[in-house]
């Protein structure tokens, strides 16, 4: 059972908005729906706005896709490069996912072009490692990055580029990201 026991200040536009997250668990679907719905509401996205998430094929990722569709948000969901990922992509699109890409796609210029066209202002991180970096790289400057207590990388690495790795905190500061750790 995956559980998070904290109270989170989740309304960066409204500091008086507090969401009590007592248990984010896979055993209580209605509670999970309410919790994820409250988190999406706290991001202050308007209909037509874009959010990017990793672990789109997890239970929480699927709920994010469904609730985002209800709220008329566009979604970019990143999934692992596991065998059978094309079937997962089709499954998530059938749930309402707008754009579903494997992790290796996030390292291409196609991803850069995609995010420049859609300008995601909110990012949800449900994973450790590179996928957290992929979500942050996809966000526009000044966007909101929400992470569920996952260990964030020390450095942001630019594959195949001349640029050297950048320290995570410097990267976040450079992009002026609002980071919410749950």
C-alpha atoms as a PDB file:
ATOM      1  CA  UNK A   1       0.000   0.000   0.000  1.00  0.00           C
ATOM      2  CA  UNK A   2       1.414   3.274  -1.093  1.00  0.00           C
ATOM      3  CA  UNK A   3       0.711   5.932   1.489  1.00  0.00           C
ATOM      4  CA  UNK A   4       1.509   9.573   2.077  1.00  0.00           C
ATOM      5  CA  UNK A   5       0.698  11.014   5.465  1.00  0.00           C
ATOM      6  CA  UNK A   6       1.134  14.763   5.452  1.00  0.00           C
ATOM      7  CA  UNK A   7      -0.814  17.959   5.281  1.00  0.00           C
ATOM      8  CA  UNK A   8       0.141  19.967   2.261  1.00  0.00           C
ATOM      9  CA  UNK A   9      -0.185  23.626   1.459  1.00  0.00           C
ATOM     10  CA  UNK A  10      -1.368  23.086  -2.047  1.00  0.00           C
ATOM     11  CA  UNK A  11      -2.753  26.408  -3.126  1.00  0.00           C
ATOM     12  CA  UNK A  12       0.178  28.547  -4.136  1.00  0.00           C
ATOM     13  CA  UNK A  13      -2.238  31.212  -5.430  1.00  0.00           C
ATOM     14  CA  UNK A  14      -4.266  30.989  -2.219  1.00  0.00           C
ATOM     15  CA  UNK A  15      -2.110  30.220   0.828  1.00  0.00           C
ATOM     16  CA  UNK A  16      -5.228  29.579   2.927  1.00  0.00           C
ATOM     17  CA  UNK A  17      -6.136  26.542   0.832  1.00  0.00           C
ATOM     18  CA  UNK A  18      -5.020  23.433   2.706  1.00  0.00           C
ATOM     19  CA  UNK A  19      -5.622  19.950   1.493  1.00  0.00           C
ATOM     20  CA  UNK A  20      -5.324  17.205   4.085  1.00  0.00           C
ATOM     21  CA  UNK A  21      -3.860  14.124   2.521  1.00  0.00           C
ATOM     22  CA  UNK A  22      -4.270  11.416   5.086  1.00  0.00           C
ATOM     23  CA  UNK A  23      -3.812   8.440   2.847  1.00  0.00           C
ATOM     24  CA  UNK A  24      -3.067   8.233  -0.825  1.00  0.00           C
ATOM     25  CA  UNK A  25      -3.684   4.572  -1.296  1.00  0.00           C
ATOM     26  CA  UNK A  26      -4.528   2.234  -4.094  1.00  0.00           C
ATOM     27  CA  UNK A  27      -7.104   0.471  -1.919  1.00  0.00           C
ATOM     28  CA  UNK A  28      -9.617   3.344  -1.721  1.00  0.00           C
ATOM     29  CA  UNK A  29     -10.493   4.502  -5.237  1.00  0.00           C
ATOM     30  CA  UNK A  30     -13.050   7.183  -4.282  1.00  0.00           C
ATOM     31  CA  UNK A  31     -10.630   8.761  -1.798  1.00  0.00           C
ATOM     32  CA  UNK A  32      -7.906   8.670  -4.421  1.00  0.00           C
ATOM     33  CA  UNK A  33     -10.214  10.337  -6.959  1.00  0.00           C
ATOM     34  CA  UNK A  34     -11.019  13.139  -4.503  1.00  0.00           C
ATOM     35  CA  UNK A  35      -7.382  13.632  -3.549  1.00  0.00           C
ATOM     36  CA  UNK A  36      -6.125  13.758  -7.129  1.00  0.00           C
ATOM     37  CA  UNK A  37      -9.035  16.042  -8.054  1.00  0.00           C
ATOM     38  CA  UNK A  38      -8.100  18.431  -5.243  1.00  0.00           C
ATOM     39  CA  UNK A  39      -4.466  18.405  -6.375  1.00  0.00           C
ATOM     40  CA  UNK A  40      -5.474  19.225  -9.944  1.00  0.00           C
ATOM     41  CA  UNK A  41      -7.685  22.039  -8.664  1.00  0.00           C
ATOM     42  CA  UNK A  42      -4.755  23.429  -6.648  1.00  0.00           C
ATOM     43  CA  UNK A  43      -2.689  23.793  -9.827  1.00  0.00           C
ATOM     44  CA  UNK A  44      -5.082  26.529 -10.987  1.00  0.00           C
ATOM     45  CA  UNK A  45      -5.084  25.340 -14.607  1.00  0.00           C
ATOM     46  CA  UNK A  46      -7.760  26.771 -16.826  1.00  0.00           C
ATOM     47  CA  UNK A  47      -9.665  24.681 -19.389  1.00  0.00           C
ATOM     48  CA  UNK A  48      -7.368  24.226 -22.370  1.00  0.00           C
ATOM     49  CA  UNK A  49      -4.273  24.400 -20.147  1.00  0.00           C
ATOM     50  CA  UNK A  50      -1.645  21.683 -20.428  1.00  0.00           C
ATOM     51  CA  UNK A  51      -0.090  19.518 -17.750  1.00  0.00           C
ATOM     52  CA  UNK A  52       2.695  16.984 -18.087  1.00  0.00           C
ATOM     53  CA  UNK A  53       3.069  13.930 -15.871  1.00  0.00           C
ATOM     54  CA  UNK A  54       5.300  10.907 -15.603  1.00  0.00           C
ATOM     55  CA  UNK A  55       4.164   7.377 -14.722  1.00  0.00           C
ATOM     56  CA  UNK A  56       1.055   7.991 -16.795  1.00  0.00           C
ATOM     57  CA  UNK A  57       0.331   4.263 -16.838  1.00  0.00           C
ATOM     58  CA  UNK A  58       0.190   3.982 -13.025  1.00  0.00           C
ATOM     59  CA  UNK A  59      -3.146   4.008 -11.202  1.00  0.00           C
ATOM     60  CA  UNK A  60      -2.673   7.629 -10.160  1.00  0.00           C
ATOM     61  CA  UNK A  61      -1.540   8.575 -13.669  1.00  0.00           C
ATOM     62  CA  UNK A  62      -4.692   7.058 -15.136  1.00  0.00           C
ATOM     63  CA  UNK A  63      -6.845   9.007 -12.683  1.00  0.00           C
ATOM     64  CA  UNK A  64      -5.005  12.211 -13.593  1.00  0.00           C
ATOM     65  CA  UNK A  65      -5.772  11.548 -17.278  1.00  0.00           C
ATOM     66  CA  UNK A  66      -9.470  10.941 -16.608  1.00  0.00           C
ATOM     67  CA  UNK A  67      -9.919  13.951 -14.312  1.00  0.00           C
ATOM     68  CA  UNK A  68      -7.935  16.200 -16.631  1.00  0.00           C
ATOM     69  CA  UNK A  69     -10.217  15.206 -19.492  1.00  0.00           C
ATOM     70  CA  UNK A  70     -13.277  16.067 -17.364  1.00  0.00           C
ATOM     71  CA  UNK A  71     -11.740  19.468 -16.566  1.00  0.00           C
ATOM     72  CA  UNK A  72     -10.805  19.998 -20.243  1.00  0.00           C
ATOM     73  CA  UNK A  73      -7.032  20.071 -19.605  1.00  0.00           C
ATOM     74  CA  UNK A  74      -4.588  18.730 -22.162  1.00  0.00           C
ATOM     75  CA  UNK A  75      -2.243  16.041 -20.893  1.00  0.00           C
ATOM     76  CA  UNK A  76       1.206  14.888 -21.848  1.00  0.00           C
ATOM     77  CA  UNK A  77       1.872  11.564 -20.133  1.00  0.00           C
ATOM     78  CA  UNK A  78       5.311   9.975 -20.002  1.00  0.00           C
ATOM     79  CA  UNK A  79       5.553   6.194 -19.572  1.00  0.00           C
ATOM     80  CA  UNK A  80       8.466   3.771 -19.184  1.00  0.00           C
ATOM     81  CA  UNK A  81      10.124   2.186 -22.226  1.00  0.00           C
ATOM     82  CA  UNK A  82       8.998  -1.271 -21.166  1.00  0.00           C
ATOM     83  CA  UNK A  83       8.112  -4.032 -23.609  1.00  0.00           C
ATOM     84  CA  UNK A  84       4.556  -3.564 -24.803  1.00  0.00           C
ATOM     85  CA  UNK A  85       4.521   0.193 -24.339  1.00  0.00           C
ATOM     86  CA  UNK A  86       2.705   0.825 -27.671  1.00  0.00           C
ATOM     87  CA  UNK A  87      -0.322  -1.032 -26.253  1.00  0.00           C
ATOM     88  CA  UNK A  88      -0.133   1.092 -23.086  1.00  0.00           C
ATOM     89  CA  UNK A  89      -0.076   4.225 -25.217  1.00  0.00           C
ATOM     90  CA  UNK A  90      -3.287   3.176 -26.976  1.00  0.00           C
ATOM     91  CA  UNK A  91      -4.911   2.228 -23.668  1.00  0.00           C
ATOM     92  CA  UNK A  92      -4.116   5.618 -22.105  1.00  0.00           C
ATOM     93  CA  UNK A  93      -5.350   7.457 -25.199  1.00  0.00           C
ATOM     94  CA  UNK A  94      -8.615   5.504 -24.929  1.00  0.00           C
ATOM     95  CA  UNK A  95      -8.927   6.786 -21.332  1.00  0.00           C
ATOM     96  CA  UNK A  96      -8.649  10.341 -22.619  1.00  0.00           C
ATOM     97  CA  UNK A  97      -4.893  10.944 -22.687  1.00  0.00           C
ATOM     98  CA  UNK A  98      -4.094  13.557 -25.302  1.00  0.00           C
ATOM     99  CA  UNK A  99      -0.413  12.797 -25.797  1.00  0.00           C
ATOM    100  CA  UNK A 100       1.317   9.709 -24.407  1.00  0.00           C
ATOM    101  CA  UNK A 101       5.036   9.233 -25.021  1.00  0.00           C
ATOM    102  CA  UNK A 102       7.692   6.762 -23.880  1.00  0.00           C
ATOM    103  CA  UNK A 103      10.588   8.067 -21.810  1.00  0.00           C
ATOM    104  CA  UNK A 104      13.077   7.884 -24.715  1.00  0.00           C
ATOM    105  CA  UNK A 105      10.868  10.306 -26.712  1.00  0.00           C
ATOM    106  CA  UNK A 106      11.450  12.982 -24.051  1.00  0.00           C
ATOM    107  CA  UNK A 107      15.127  13.101 -25.052  1.00  0.00           C
ATOM    108  CA  UNK A 108      14.389  14.132 -28.645  1.00  0.00           C
ATOM    109  CA  UNK A 109      13.864  17.437 -30.415  1.00  0.00           C
ATOM    110  CA  UNK A 110      10.305  16.270 -31.148  1.00  0.00           C
ATOM    111  CA  UNK A 111       9.524  16.631 -27.448  1.00  0.00           C
ATOM    112  CA  UNK A 112      11.054  20.107 -27.391  1.00  0.00           C
ATOM    113  CA  UNK A 113       8.863  21.123 -30.313  1.00  0.00           C
ATOM    114  CA  UNK A 114       5.785  19.561 -28.714  1.00  0.00           C
ATOM    115  CA  UNK A 115       6.194  21.396 -25.409  1.00  0.00           C
ATOM    116  CA  UNK A 116       6.969  24.673 -27.170  1.00  0.00           C
ATOM    117  CA  UNK A 117       3.622  24.368 -28.977  1.00  0.00           C
ATOM    118  CA  UNK A 118       1.571  23.288 -25.930  1.00  0.00           C
ATOM    119  CA  UNK A 119       3.391  25.234 -23.179  1.00  0.00           C
ATOM    120  CA  UNK A 120       2.632  23.018 -20.149  1.00  0.00           C
ATOM    121  CA  UNK A 121       2.321  25.139 -17.011  1.00  0.00           C
ATOM    122  CA  UNK A 122       1.943  22.279 -14.513  1.00  0.00           C
ATOM    123  CA  UNK A 123       3.946  19.120 -13.980  1.00  0.00           C
ATOM    124  CA  UNK A 124       3.207  16.105 -11.813  1.00  0.00           C
ATOM    125  CA  UNK A 125       6.056  13.827 -10.721  1.00  0.00           C
ATOM    126  CA  UNK A 126       5.339  10.312  -9.493  1.00  0.00           C
ATOM    127  CA  UNK A 127       8.830   8.868 -10.115  1.00  0.00           C
ATOM    128  CA  UNK A 128      12.467   9.073  -9.108  1.00  0.00           C
ATOM    129  CA  UNK A 129      15.239   9.751 -11.563  1.00  0.00           C
ATOM    130  CA  UNK A 130      15.210  10.947 -15.141  1.00  0.00           C
ATOM    131  CA  UNK A 131      11.440  11.142 -15.576  1.00  0.00           C
ATOM    132  CA  UNK A 132      11.331  13.900 -12.934  1.00  0.00           C
ATOM    133  CA  UNK A 133      13.865  15.792 -15.029  1.00  0.00           C
ATOM    134  CA  UNK A 134      11.806  15.189 -18.174  1.00  0.00           C
ATOM    135  CA  UNK A 135       8.732  16.712 -16.520  1.00  0.00           C
ATOM    136  CA  UNK A 136      10.665  19.788 -15.369  1.00  0.00           C
ATOM    137  CA  UNK A 137      12.309  20.301 -18.753  1.00  0.00           C
ATOM    138  CA  UNK A 138       8.852  20.243 -20.342  1.00  0.00           C
ATOM    139  CA  UNK A 139       7.438  22.994 -18.115  1.00  0.00           C
ATOM    140  CA  UNK A 140       7.366  26.613 -19.178  1.00  0.00           C
ATOM    141  CA  UNK A 141       9.348  29.101 -17.132  1.00  0.00           C
ATOM    142  CA  UNK A 142       7.385  29.970 -14.011  1.00  0.00           C
ATOM    143  CA  UNK A 143       5.384  26.712 -14.124  1.00  0.00           C
ATOM    144  CA  UNK A 144       4.398  24.577 -11.140  1.00  0.00           C
ATOM    145  CA  UNK A 145       6.145  21.264 -10.430  1.00  0.00           C
ATOM    146  CA  UNK A 146       4.403  19.001  -7.930  1.00  0.00           C
ATOM    147  CA  UNK A 147       6.229  15.907  -6.678  1.00  0.00           C
ATOM    148  CA  UNK A 148       5.037  13.130  -4.369  1.00  0.00           C
ATOM    149  CA  UNK A 149       7.978  12.831  -1.973  1.00  0.00           C
ATOM    150  CA  UNK A 150      10.181  11.216  -4.584  1.00  0.00           C
ATOM    151  CA  UNK A 151      13.919  11.644  -4.534  1.00  0.00           C
ATOM    152  CA  UNK A 152      14.781  14.262  -7.104  1.00  0.00           C
ATOM    153  CA  UNK A 153      18.024  13.960  -9.074  1.00  0.00           C
ATOM    154  CA  UNK A 154      21.104  15.937  -8.040  1.00  0.00           C
ATOM    155  CA  UNK A 155      21.744  17.149 -11.568  1.00  0.00           C
ATOM    156  CA  UNK A 156      19.816  17.822 -14.738  1.00  0.00           C
ATOM    157  CA  UNK A 157      21.619  16.038 -17.553  1.00  0.00           C
ATOM    158  CA  UNK A 158      21.459  17.065 -21.200  1.00  0.00           C
ATOM    159  CA  UNK A 159      21.985  13.945 -23.302  1.00  0.00           C
ATOM    160  CA  UNK A 160      24.132  14.338 -26.408  1.00  0.00           C
ATOM    161  CA  UNK A 161      24.537  18.048 -25.863  1.00  0.00           C
ATOM    162  CA  UNK A 162      27.567  20.187 -25.279  1.00  0.00           C
ATOM    163  CA  UNK A 163      25.988  21.488 -22.070  1.00  0.00           C
ATOM    164  CA  UNK A 164      27.319  20.095 -18.826  1.00  0.00           C
ATOM    165  CA  UNK A 165      24.967  18.771 -16.142  1.00  0.00           C
ATOM    166  CA  UNK A 166      23.303  21.532 -14.134  1.00  0.00           C
ATOM    167  CA  UNK A 167      22.603  21.235 -10.419  1.00  0.00           C
ATOM    168  CA  UNK A 168      18.886  20.553  -9.801  1.00  0.00           C
ATOM    169  CA  UNK A 169      18.341  23.585  -7.540  1.00  0.00           C
ATOM    170  CA  UNK A 170      20.036  25.895 -10.071  1.00  0.00           C
ATOM    171  CA  UNK A 171      17.870  24.479 -12.868  1.00  0.00           C
ATOM    172  CA  UNK A 172      14.670  25.043 -10.865  1.00  0.00           C
ATOM    173  CA  UNK A 173      15.769  28.575  -9.990  1.00  0.00           C
ATOM    174  CA  UNK A 174      16.708  29.350 -13.615  1.00  0.00           C
ATOM    175  CA  UNK A 175      13.270  28.236 -14.853  1.00  0.00           C
ATOM    176  CA  UNK A 176      11.547  30.040 -11.946  1.00  0.00           C
ATOM    177  CA  UNK A 177       9.559  26.897 -11.158  1.00  0.00           C
ATOM    178  CA  UNK A 178       7.239  26.681  -8.167  1.00  0.00           C
ATOM    179  CA  UNK A 179       8.085  23.351  -6.551  1.00  0.00           C
ATOM    180  CA  UNK A 180       5.568  21.659  -4.238  1.00  0.00           C
ATOM    181  CA  UNK A 181       6.848  18.568  -2.395  1.00  0.00           C
ATOM    182  CA  UNK A 182       4.184  16.302  -0.951  1.00  0.00           C
END
